[in-house]
PDB file of all heavy atoms in Angstrom:
ATOM      1  N   CYS A   1      -7.370  -5.680  -5.981  1.00  0.00           N
ATOM      2  CA  CYS A   1      -7.087  -4.595  -6.936  1.00  0.00           C
ATOM      3  C   CYS A   1      -6.555  -3.353  -6.237  1.00  0.00           C
ATOM      4  O   CYS A   1      -5.610  -2.719  -6.710  1.00  0.00           O
ATOM      5  CB  CYS A   1      -8.339  -4.252  -7.741  1.00  0.00           C
ATOM      6  SG  CYS A   1      -8.798  -5.547  -8.905  1.00  0.00           S
ATOM      7  N   GLU A   2      -7.165  -2.989  -5.116  1.00  0.00           N
ATOM      8  CA  GLU A   2      -6.719  -1.805  -4.376  1.00  0.00           C
ATOM      9  C   GLU A   2      -5.306  -2.010  -3.830  1.00  0.00           C
ATOM     10  O   GLU A   2      -4.484  -1.101  -3.856  1.00  0.00           O
ATOM     11  CB  GLU A   2      -7.694  -1.459  -3.251  1.00  0.00           C
ATOM     12  CG  GLU A   2      -9.023  -0.939  -3.744  1.00  0.00           C
ATOM     13  CD  GLU A   2      -8.911   0.312  -4.601  1.00  0.00           C
ATOM     14  OE1 GLU A   2      -8.165   1.251  -4.215  1.00  0.00           O
ATOM     15  OE2 GLU A   2      -9.550   0.362  -5.665  1.00  0.00           O
ATOM     16  N   GLY A   3      -5.029  -3.198  -3.337  1.00  0.00           N
ATOM     17  CA  GLY A   3      -3.682  -3.491  -2.850  1.00  0.00           C
ATOM     18  C   GLY A   3      -2.652  -3.389  -3.960  1.00  0.00           C
ATOM     19  O   GLY A   3      -1.574  -2.816  -3.781  1.00  0.00           O
ATOM     20  N   TYR A   4      -3.008  -3.929  -5.130  1.00  0.00           N
ATOM     21  CA  TYR A   4      -2.091  -3.853  -6.264  1.00  0.00           C
ATOM     22  C   TYR A   4      -1.853  -2.399  -6.668  1.00  0.00           C
ATOM     23  O   TYR A   4      -0.717  -2.000  -6.942  1.00  0.00           O
ATOM     24  CB  TYR A   4      -2.630  -4.655  -7.445  1.00  0.00           C
ATOM     25  CG  TYR A   4      -1.688  -4.638  -8.622  1.00  0.00           C
ATOM     26  CD1 TYR A   4      -0.557  -5.445  -8.630  1.00  0.00           C
ATOM     27  CD2 TYR A   4      -1.902  -3.789  -9.701  1.00  0.00           C
ATOM     28  CE1 TYR A   4       0.335  -5.423  -9.682  1.00  0.00           C
ATOM     29  CE2 TYR A   4      -1.018  -3.752 -10.763  1.00  0.00           C
ATOM     30  CZ  TYR A   4       0.099  -4.569 -10.753  1.00  0.00           C
ATOM     31  OH  TYR A   4       0.982  -4.519 -11.794  1.00  0.00           O
ATOM     32  N   LYS A   5      -2.910  -1.593  -6.690  1.00  0.00           N
ATOM     33  CA  LYS A   5      -2.766  -0.167  -7.047  1.00  0.00           C
ATOM     34  C   LYS A   5      -1.842   0.545  -6.072  1.00  0.00           C
ATOM     35  O   LYS A   5      -0.972   1.318  -6.488  1.00  0.00           O
ATOM     36  CB  LYS A   5      -4.132   0.532  -7.041  1.00  0.00           C
ATOM     37  CG  LYS A   5      -4.990   0.238  -8.223  1.00  0.00           C
ATOM     38  CD  LYS A   5      -6.281   1.052  -8.097  1.00  0.00           C
ATOM     39  CE  LYS A   5      -7.401   0.457  -8.888  1.00  0.00           C
ATOM     40  NZ  LYS A   5      -8.681   1.120  -8.629  1.00  0.00           N
ATOM     41  N   LEU A   6      -2.044   0.323  -4.777  1.00  0.00           N
ATOM     42  CA  LEU A   6      -1.202   0.983  -3.777  1.00  0.00           C
ATOM     43  C   LEU A   6       0.254   0.535  -3.885  1.00  0.00           C
ATOM     44  O   LEU A   6       1.168   1.353  -3.782  1.00  0.00           O
ATOM     45  CB  LEU A   6      -1.747   0.716  -2.375  1.00  0.00           C
ATOM     46  CG  LEU A   6      -3.059   1.421  -2.032  1.00  0.00           C
ATOM     47  CD1 LEU A   6      -3.655   0.870  -0.739  1.00  0.00           C
ATOM     48  CD2 LEU A   6      -2.854   2.927  -1.939  1.00  0.00           C
ATOM     49  N   LEU A   7       0.485  -0.750  -4.099  1.00  0.00           N
ATOM     50  CA  LEU A   7       1.856  -1.227  -4.271  1.00  0.00           C
ATOM     51  C   LEU A   7       2.480  -0.673  -5.549  1.00  0.00           C
ATOM     52  O   LEU A   7       3.634  -0.232  -5.558  1.00  0.00           O
ATOM     53  CB  LEU A   7       1.882  -2.758  -4.304  1.00  0.00           C
ATOM     54  CG  LEU A   7       1.611  -3.467  -2.992  1.00  0.00           C
ATOM     55  CD1 LEU A   7       1.396  -4.958  -3.229  1.00  0.00           C
ATOM     56  CD2 LEU A   7       2.744  -3.239  -2.002  1.00  0.00           C
ATOM     57  N   ASN A   8       1.715  -0.695  -6.631  1.00  0.00           N
ATOM     58  CA  ASN A   8       2.219  -0.226  -7.924  1.00  0.00           C
ATOM     59  C   ASN A   8       2.537   1.265  -7.894  1.00  0.00           C
ATOM     60  O   ASN A   8       3.480   1.713  -8.548  1.00  0.00           O
ATOM     61  CB  ASN A   8       1.209  -0.555  -9.022  1.00  0.00           C
ATOM     62  CG  ASN A   8       1.876  -0.827 -10.341  1.00  0.00           C
ATOM     63  OD1 ASN A   8       2.977  -1.388 -10.380  1.00  0.00           O
ATOM     64  ND2 ASN A   8       1.240  -0.442 -11.405  1.00  0.00           N
ATOM     65  N   LYS A   9       1.770   2.013  -7.144  1.00  0.00           N
ATOM     66  CA  LYS A   9       1.981   3.458  -7.009  1.00  0.00           C
ATOM     67  C   LYS A   9       3.385   3.752  -6.455  1.00  0.00           C
ATOM     68  O   LYS A   9       4.005   4.749  -6.805  1.00  0.00           O
ATOM     69  CB  LYS A   9       0.913   4.042  -6.078  1.00  0.00           C
ATOM     70  CG  LYS A   9       1.043   5.493  -5.754  1.00  0.00           C
ATOM     71  CD  LYS A   9      -0.087   5.909  -4.816  1.00  0.00           C
ATOM     72  CE  LYS A   9       0.138   7.300  -4.288  1.00  0.00           C
ATOM     73  NZ  LYS A   9      -0.897   7.656  -3.296  1.00  0.00           N
ATOM     74  N   HIS A  10       3.869   2.860  -5.606  1.00  0.00           N
ATOM     75  CA  HIS A  10       5.175   3.059  -4.961  1.00  0.00           C
ATOM     76  C   HIS A  10       6.258   2.129  -5.501  1.00  0.00           C
ATOM     77  O   HIS A  10       7.342   2.044  -4.928  1.00  0.00           O
ATOM     78  CB  HIS A  10       5.035   2.854  -3.452  1.00  0.00           C
ATOM     79  CG  HIS A  10       4.093   3.807  -2.797  1.00  0.00           C
ATOM     80  ND1 HIS A  10       4.422   5.116  -2.557  1.00  0.00           N
ATOM     81  CD2 HIS A  10       2.820   3.650  -2.366  1.00  0.00           C
ATOM     82  CE1 HIS A  10       3.405   5.726  -1.987  1.00  0.00           C
ATOM     83  NE2 HIS A  10       2.414   4.860  -1.863  1.00  0.00           N
ATOM     84  N   LYS A  11       5.950   1.421  -6.608  1.00  0.00           N
ATOM     85  CA  LYS A  11       6.888   0.429  -7.151  1.00  0.00           C
ATOM     86  C   LYS A  11       8.271   1.050  -7.343  1.00  0.00           C
ATOM     87  O   LYS A  11       8.406   2.126  -7.897  1.00  0.00           O
ATOM     88  CB  LYS A  11       6.369  -0.123  -8.477  1.00  0.00           C
ATOM     89  CG  LYS A  11       7.221  -1.247  -9.043  1.00  0.00           C
ATOM     90  CD  LYS A  11       6.543  -2.007 -10.159  1.00  0.00           C
ATOM     91  CE  LYS A  11       6.238  -1.136 -11.345  1.00  0.00           C
ATOM     92  NZ  LYS A  11       5.730  -1.906 -12.480  1.00  0.00           N
ATOM     93  N   GLY A  12       9.278   0.358  -6.854  1.00  0.00           N
ATOM     94  CA  GLY A  12      10.657   0.830  -6.975  1.00  0.00           C
ATOM     95  C   GLY A  12      11.115   1.676  -5.803  1.00  0.00           C
ATOM     96  O   GLY A  12      12.299   1.948  -5.664  1.00  0.00           O
ATOM     97  N   SER A  13      10.172   2.100  -4.956  1.00  0.00           N
ATOM     98  CA  SER A  13      10.559   2.930  -3.807  1.00  0.00           C
ATOM     99  C   SER A  13       9.782   2.540  -2.545  1.00  0.00           C
ATOM    100  O   SER A  13       9.522   3.383  -1.693  1.00  0.00           O
ATOM    101  CB  SER A  13      10.333   4.407  -4.127  1.00  0.00           C
ATOM    102  OG  SER A  13       8.953   4.649  -4.388  1.00  0.00           O
ATOM    103  N   ILE A  14       9.419   1.284  -2.437  1.00  0.00           N
ATOM    104  CA  ILE A  14       8.656   0.833  -1.268  1.00  0.00           C
ATOM    105  C   ILE A  14       9.612   0.680  -0.087  1.00  0.00           C
ATOM    106  O   ILE A  14      10.599  -0.041  -0.158  1.00  0.00           O
ATOM    107  CB  ILE A  14       7.923  -0.493  -1.549  1.00  0.00           C
ATOM    108  CG1 ILE A  14       6.872  -0.279  -2.640  1.00  0.00           C
ATOM    109  CG2 ILE A  14       7.272  -1.032  -0.274  1.00  0.00           C
ATOM    110  CD1 ILE A  14       6.161  -1.538  -3.088  1.00  0.00           C
ATOM    111  N   THR A  15       9.296   1.390   0.972  1.00  0.00           N
ATOM    112  CA  THR A  15      10.048   1.285   2.229  1.00  0.00           C
ATOM    113  C   THR A  15       9.170   0.557   3.239  1.00  0.00           C
ATOM    114  O   THR A  15       7.978   0.332   3.002  1.00  0.00           O
ATOM    115  CB  THR A  15      10.392   2.686   2.771  1.00  0.00           C
ATOM    116  OG1 THR A  15       9.154   3.370   3.065  1.00  0.00           O
ATOM    117  CG2 THR A  15      11.213   3.494   1.768  1.00  0.00           C
ATOM    118  N   SER A  16       9.738   0.229   4.376  1.00  0.00           N
ATOM    119  CA  SER A  16       8.926  -0.415   5.413  1.00  0.00           C
ATOM    120  C   SER A  16       7.816   0.524   5.874  1.00  0.00           C
ATOM    121  O   SER A  16       6.694   0.082   6.135  1.00  0.00           O
ATOM    122  CB  SER A  16       9.797  -0.875   6.584  1.00  0.00           C
ATOM    123  OG  SER A  16      10.562   0.189   7.092  1.00  0.00           O
ATOM    124  N   GLU A  17       8.097   1.829   5.928  1.00  0.00           N
ATOM    125  CA  GLU A  17       7.069   2.796   6.342  1.00  0.00           C
ATOM    126  C   GLU A  17       5.914   2.843   5.342  1.00  0.00           C
ATOM    127  O   GLU A  17       4.745   2.874   5.735  1.00  0.00           O
ATOM    128  CB  GLU A  17       7.678   4.199   6.506  1.00  0.00           C
ATOM    129  CG  GLU A  17       8.644   4.325   7.670  1.00  0.00           C
ATOM    130  CD  GLU A  17      10.061   3.858   7.351  1.00  0.00           C
ATOM    131  OE1 GLU A  17      10.352   3.503   6.185  1.00  0.00           O
ATOM    132  OE2 GLU A  17      10.890   3.830   8.273  1.00  0.00           O
ATOM    133  N   ILE A  18       6.221   2.835   4.047  1.00  0.00           N
ATOM    134  CA  ILE A  18       5.161   2.832   3.022  1.00  0.00           C
ATOM    135  C   ILE A  18       4.359   1.547   3.105  1.00  0.00           C
ATOM    136  O   ILE A  18       3.127   1.561   3.014  1.00  0.00           O
ATOM    137  CB  ILE A  18       5.767   3.039   1.614  1.00  0.00           C
ATOM    138  CG1 ILE A  18       6.234   4.490   1.458  1.00  0.00           C
ATOM    139  CG2 ILE A  18       4.755   2.672   0.525  1.00  0.00           C
ATOM    140  CD1 ILE A  18       7.024   4.771   0.198  1.00  0.00           C
ATOM    141  N   MET A  19       5.032   0.423   3.312  1.00  0.00           N
ATOM    142  CA  MET A  19       4.315  -0.848   3.415  1.00  0.00           C
ATOM    143  C   MET A  19       3.374  -0.838   4.616  1.00  0.00           C
ATOM    144  O   MET A  19       2.244  -1.328   4.541  1.00  0.00           O
ATOM    145  CB  MET A  19       5.328  -1.996   3.524  1.00  0.00           C
ATOM    146  CG  MET A  19       4.747  -3.341   3.249  1.00  0.00           C
ATOM    147  SD  MET A  19       4.163  -3.504   1.562  1.00  0.00           S
ATOM    148  CE  MET A  19       2.540  -4.151   1.873  1.00  0.00           C
ATOM    149  N   MET A  20       3.824  -0.245   5.729  1.00  0.00           N
ATOM    150  CA  MET A  20       2.955  -0.150   6.907  1.00  0.00           C
ATOM    151  C   MET A  20       1.740   0.726   6.618  1.00  0.00           C
ATOM    152  O   MET A  20       0.630   0.403   7.041  1.00  0.00           O
ATOM    153  CB  MET A  20       3.748   0.379   8.099  1.00  0.00           C
ATOM    154  CG  MET A  20       4.729  -0.617   8.647  1.00  0.00           C
ATOM    155  SD  MET A  20       5.686   0.122   9.986  1.00  0.00           S
ATOM    156  CE  MET A  20       7.105  -0.963  10.008  1.00  0.00           C
ATOM    157  N   GLU A  21       1.942   1.817   5.896  1.00  0.00           N
ATOM    158  CA  GLU A  21       0.814   2.684   5.513  1.00  0.00           C
ATOM    159  C   GLU A  21      -0.189   1.905   4.670  1.00  0.00           C
ATOM    160  O   GLU A  21      -1.404   2.020   4.870  1.00  0.00           O
ATOM    161  CB  GLU A  21       1.313   3.889   4.716  1.00  0.00           C
ATOM    162  CG  GLU A  21       1.983   4.961   5.520  1.00  0.00           C
ATOM    163  CD  GLU A  21       2.499   6.099   4.624  1.00  0.00           C
ATOM    164  OE1 GLU A  21       1.875   6.382   3.581  1.00  0.00           O
ATOM    165  OE2 GLU A  21       3.538   6.684   4.986  1.00  0.00           O
ATOM    166  N   ILE A  22       0.304   1.129   3.725  1.00  0.00           N
ATOM    167  CA  ILE A  22      -0.587   0.338   2.864  1.00  0.00           C
ATOM    168  C   ILE A  22      -1.383  -0.660   3.707  1.00  0.00           C
ATOM    169  O   ILE A  22      -2.598  -0.799   3.539  1.00  0.00           O
ATOM    170  CB  ILE A  22       0.223  -0.376   1.757  1.00  0.00           C
ATOM    171  CG1 ILE A  22       0.765   0.656   0.759  1.00  0.00           C
ATOM    172  CG2 ILE A  22      -0.618  -1.435   1.052  1.00  0.00           C
ATOM    173  CD1 ILE A  22       1.768   0.103  -0.248  1.00  0.00           C
ATOM    174  N   LEU A  23      -0.733  -1.345   4.634  1.00  0.00           N
ATOM    175  CA  LEU A  23      -1.424  -2.344   5.457  1.00  0.00           C
ATOM    176  C   LEU A  23      -2.405  -1.709   6.444  1.00  0.00           C
ATOM    177  O   LEU A  23      -3.338  -2.370   6.908  1.00  0.00           O
ATOM    178  CB  LEU A  23      -0.409  -3.212   6.196  1.00  0.00           C
ATOM    179  CG  LEU A  23       0.408  -4.136   5.290  1.00  0.00           C
ATOM    180  CD1 LEU A  23       1.535  -4.800   6.078  1.00  0.00           C
ATOM    181  CD2 LEU A  23      -0.476  -5.170   4.626  1.00  0.00           C
ATOM    182  N   ARG A  24      -2.226  -0.436   6.743  1.00  0.00           N
ATOM    183  CA  ARG A  24      -3.152   0.279   7.633  1.00  0.00           C
ATOM    184  C   ARG A  24      -4.348   0.857   6.881  1.00  0.00           C
ATOM    185  O   ARG A  24      -5.300   1.315   7.503  1.00  0.00           O
ATOM    186  CB  ARG A  24      -2.424   1.423   8.326  1.00  0.00           C
ATOM    187  CG  ARG A  24      -1.440   1.000   9.363  1.00  0.00           C
ATOM    188  CD  ARG A  24      -0.779   2.227   9.996  1.00  0.00           C
ATOM    189  NE  ARG A  24       0.153   1.825  11.016  1.00  0.00           N
ATOM    190  CZ  ARG A  24       1.435   2.203  11.057  1.00  0.00           C
ATOM    191  NH1 ARG A  24       1.934   3.002  10.140  1.00  0.00           N
ATOM    192  NH2 ARG A  24       2.197   1.784  12.033  1.00  0.00           N
ATOM    193  N   ASP A  25      -4.311   0.857   5.574  1.00  0.00           N
ATOM    194  CA  ASP A  25      -5.312   1.551   4.759  1.00  0.00           C
ATOM    195  C   ASP A  25      -6.700   0.925   4.921  1.00  0.00           C
ATOM    196  O   ASP A  25      -6.925  -0.227   4.547  1.00  0.00           O
ATOM    197  CB  ASP A  25      -4.883   1.520   3.289  1.00  0.00           C
ATOM    198  CG  ASP A  25      -5.672   2.478   2.441  1.00  0.00           C
ATOM    199  OD1 ASP A  25      -6.833   2.144   2.134  1.00  0.00           O
ATOM    200  OD2 ASP A  25      -5.160   3.559   2.116  1.00  0.00           O
ATOM    201  N   LYS A  26      -7.619   1.692   5.448  1.00  0.00           N
ATOM    202  CA  LYS A  26      -8.987   1.205   5.665  1.00  0.00           C
ATOM    203  C   LYS A  26      -9.868   1.462   4.454  1.00  0.00           C
ATOM    204  O   LYS A  26     -10.746   0.668   4.148  1.00  0.00           O
ATOM    205  CB  LYS A  26      -9.583   1.849   6.911  1.00  0.00           C
ATOM    206  CG  LYS A  26      -8.918   1.371   8.182  1.00  0.00           C
ATOM    207  CD  LYS A  26      -9.521   1.990   9.416  1.00  0.00           C
ATOM    208  CE  LYS A  26      -8.757   1.479  10.635  1.00  0.00           C
ATOM    209  NZ  LYS A  26      -9.201   2.101  11.862  1.00  0.00           N
ATOM    210  N   GLU A  27      -9.650   2.571   3.767  1.00  0.00           N
ATOM    211  CA  GLU A  27     -10.485   2.932   2.615  1.00  0.00           C
ATOM    212  C   GLU A  27     -10.444   1.860   1.530  1.00  0.00           C
ATOM    213  O   GLU A  27     -11.452   1.546   0.905  1.00  0.00           O
ATOM    214  CB  GLU A  27     -10.031   4.279   2.046  1.00  0.00           C
ATOM    215  CG  GLU A  27     -10.942   4.816   0.980  1.00  0.00           C
ATOM    216  CD  GLU A  27     -10.499   6.199   0.501  1.00  0.00           C
ATOM    217  OE1 GLU A  27     -10.060   7.007   1.329  1.00  0.00           O
ATOM    218  OE2 GLU A  27     -10.609   6.440  -0.715  1.00  0.00           O
ATOM    219  N   SER A  28      -9.288   1.267   1.312  1.00  0.00           N
ATOM    220  CA  SER A  28      -9.127   0.237   0.282  1.00  0.00           C
ATOM    221  C   SER A  28      -9.723  -1.105   0.707  1.00  0.00           C
ATOM    222  O   SER A  28      -9.930  -1.975  -0.124  1.00  0.00           O
ATOM    223  CB  SER A  28      -7.640   0.036  -0.022  1.00  0.00           C
ATOM    224  OG  SER A  28      -6.997  -0.506   1.123  1.00  0.00           O
ATOM    225  N   GLY A  29      -9.950  -1.268   1.997  1.00  0.00           N
ATOM    226  CA  GLY A  29     -10.424  -2.546   2.510  1.00  0.00           C
ATOM    227  C   GLY A  29      -9.288  -3.475   2.916  1.00  0.00           C
ATOM    228  O   GLY A  29      -9.527  -4.587   3.377  1.00  0.00           O
ATOM    229  N   ILE A  30      -8.041  -3.030   2.741  1.00  0.00           N
ATOM    230  CA  ILE A  30      -6.916  -3.874   3.140  1.00  0.00           C
ATOM    231  C   ILE A  30      -6.933  -4.084   4.648  1.00  0.00           C
ATOM    232  O   ILE A  30      -6.772  -5.188   5.134  1.00  0.00           O
ATOM    233  CB  ILE A  30      -5.575  -3.282   2.653  1.00  0.00           C
ATOM    234  CG1 ILE A  30      -5.529  -3.380   1.130  1.00  0.00           C
ATOM    235  CG2 ILE A  30      -4.390  -3.994   3.290  1.00  0.00           C
ATOM    236  CD1 ILE A  30      -4.400  -2.642   0.496  1.00  0.00           C
ATOM    237  N   ASN A  31      -7.127  -3.007   5.401  1.00  0.00           N
ATOM    238  CA  ASN A  31      -7.319  -3.119   6.848  1.00  0.00           C
ATOM    239  C   ASN A  31      -8.827  -3.174   7.066  1.00  0.00           C
ATOM    240  O   ASN A  31      -9.500  -2.164   7.124  1.00  0.00           O
ATOM    241  CB  ASN A  31      -6.697  -1.925   7.567  1.00  0.00           C
ATOM    242  CG  ASN A  31      -6.801  -2.045   9.072  1.00  0.00           C
ATOM    243  OD1 ASN A  31      -7.301  -3.027   9.597  1.00  0.00           O
ATOM    244  ND2 ASN A  31      -6.325  -1.040   9.768  1.00  0.00           N
TER     245      ASN A  31
END
């Protein structure tokens, strides 16, 4: 759910830098 929220927040403007930020996110539990 947290991953979907983070992706959806940037839907249409996801860059490689934003994707890296999402994959580094510890608070969501993704990292």
